[in-house]
């Protein structure tokens, strides 16, 4: 009997692939809002200050946590992708890639704790 084949979605690093793509989409959605807020400075300091008042709300701090998490995941995901393309992978290196994802989550949590 032959061994059953494993589909790509059953591979542990498939989650890293999905997180990298979703974090890129999330960042692409964030940037227009960020530029809109920064554009308030063109209308004077009072308009910018009014826009920045939102940053004191808890939901905004939660969104900042999400942003830092997305940035960290996208960074580590991009590094993982480059390493997969350019380096021969061994099982311990695959474990390190999963550790990099966990590290990105920990860094985002630390920023979130500081923001609260």
Protein backbone atom coordinates (compact mmCIF):
# COMPACT_ATOMS: atom_id res chain seq x y z
CA UNK A 1 0.00 0.00 0.00
CA UNK A 2 1.18 3.45 -0.75
CA UNK A 3 1.33 6.17 1.81
CA UNK A 4 -1.47 8.77 1.56
CA UNK A 5 -0.34 12.10 0.18
CA UNK A 6 -0.58 15.18 2.34
CA UNK A 7 -2.27 18.17 0.79
CA UNK A 8 -0.67 21.57 1.11
CA UNK A 9 -3.38 22.74 3.52
CA UNK A 10 -2.48 19.98 5.93
CA UNK A 11 1.10 21.26 6.14
CA UNK A 12 1.82 23.16 9.39
CA UNK A 13 3.30 26.15 7.56
CA UNK A 14 0.14 26.62 5.51
CA UNK A 15 -1.19 28.74 8.39
CA UNK A 16 1.88 30.95 8.11
CA UNK A 17 1.16 31.36 4.40
CA UNK A 18 -2.46 32.34 5.10
CA UNK A 19 -1.47 34.74 7.90
CA UNK A 20 1.05 36.45 5.63
CA UNK A 21 -1.57 37.00 2.93
CA UNK A 22 -4.24 38.19 5.39
CA UNK A 23 -1.84 40.53 7.16
CA UNK A 24 -0.94 42.09 3.81
CA UNK A 25 -4.62 42.67 3.06
CA UNK A 26 -5.18 44.13 6.53
CA UNK A 27 -2.27 46.52 6.12
CA UNK A 28 -3.52 47.55 2.69
CA UNK A 29 -6.90 48.39 4.23
CA UNK A 30 -5.28 50.34 7.08
CA UNK A 31 -3.08 52.61 4.98
CA UNK A 32 -5.84 54.74 3.40
CA UNK A 33 -7.31 55.41 6.86
CA UNK A 34 -3.88 56.32 8.17
CA UNK A 35 -3.28 58.75 5.32
CA UNK A 36 -6.73 60.24 5.81
CA UNK A 37 -5.95 60.98 9.44
CA UNK A 38 -2.54 62.42 8.60
CA UNK A 39 -4.19 64.53 5.90
CA UNK A 40 -6.10 66.32 8.65
CA UNK A 41 -2.84 68.15 9.41
CA UNK A 42 -3.28 69.98 6.11
CA UNK A 43 -6.41 71.58 7.55
CA UNK A 44 -4.61 72.89 10.61
CA UNK A 45 -3.58 71.74 14.06
CA UNK A 46 -7.15 71.82 15.41
CA UNK A 47 -8.38 69.40 12.75
CA UNK A 48 -5.47 67.04 13.42
CA UNK A 49 -6.05 67.21 17.18
CA UNK A 50 -9.72 66.39 16.66
CA UNK A 51 -8.74 63.35 14.62
CA UNK A 52 -6.14 62.27 17.15
CA UNK A 53 -8.68 62.31 19.97
CA UNK A 54 -9.84 58.93 18.66
CA UNK A 55 -6.49 57.49 19.71
CA UNK A 56 -7.53 57.72 23.37
CA UNK A 57 -10.42 55.29 22.91
CA UNK A 58 -9.96 51.65 23.94
CA UNK A 59 -11.18 50.36 20.60
CA UNK A 60 -8.50 52.44 18.89
CA UNK A 61 -5.83 50.97 21.16
CA UNK A 62 -7.16 47.54 20.31
CA UNK A 63 -6.85 48.43 16.62
CA UNK A 64 -3.26 49.58 17.23
CA UNK A 65 -2.56 46.17 18.74
CA UNK A 66 -3.98 44.60 15.60
CA UNK A 67 -1.82 46.83 13.43
CA UNK A 68 1.40 45.97 15.28
CA UNK A 69 0.44 42.30 15.12
CA UNK A 70 -0.20 42.54 11.38
CA UNK A 71 3.11 44.32 10.83
CA UNK A 72 5.01 41.70 12.85
CA UNK A 73 3.26 38.79 11.16
CA UNK A 74 3.85 40.27 7.72
CA UNK A 75 7.53 40.92 8.49
CA UNK A 76 8.19 37.43 9.81
CA UNK A 77 6.05 35.89 7.09
CA UNK A 78 8.04 37.70 4.42
CA UNK A 79 11.31 36.58 5.97
CA UNK A 80 9.99 33.02 6.11
CA UNK A 81 8.95 33.19 2.47
CA UNK A 82 12.35 34.47 1.36
CA UNK A 83 14.09 31.78 3.39
CA UNK A 84 11.89 29.07 1.87
CA UNK A 85 12.69 30.27 -1.63
CA UNK A 86 16.41 30.79 -1.19
CA UNK A 87 17.50 28.26 1.45
CA UNK A 88 17.18 24.49 1.74
CA UNK A 89 14.82 23.80 4.65
CA UNK A 90 15.35 21.22 7.39
CA UNK A 91 12.73 20.23 9.98
CA UNK A 92 14.38 22.34 12.73
CA UNK A 93 14.25 25.37 10.45
CA UNK A 94 10.54 24.80 9.92
CA UNK A 95 10.17 24.83 13.69
CA UNK A 96 12.03 28.14 13.80
CA UNK A 97 9.59 29.58 11.26
CA UNK A 98 6.71 28.65 13.54
CA UNK A 99 8.63 30.20 16.45
CA UNK A 100 8.98 33.43 14.45
CA UNK A 101 5.19 33.59 14.11
CA UNK A 102 4.79 33.08 17.84
CA UNK A 103 7.40 35.77 18.48
CA UNK A 104 5.49 38.24 16.33
CA UNK A 105 2.39 37.60 18.42
CA UNK A 106 4.35 38.12 21.64
CA UNK A 107 5.82 41.42 20.40
CA UNK A 108 2.35 42.65 19.42
CA UNK A 109 1.02 41.69 22.86
CA UNK A 110 3.79 43.66 24.56
CA UNK A 111 2.93 46.78 22.54
CA UNK A 112 -0.74 46.27 23.38
CA UNK A 113 0.01 46.00 27.12
CA UNK A 114 2.01 49.21 26.97
CA UNK A 115 -0.83 50.99 25.13
CA UNK A 116 -3.38 50.12 27.82
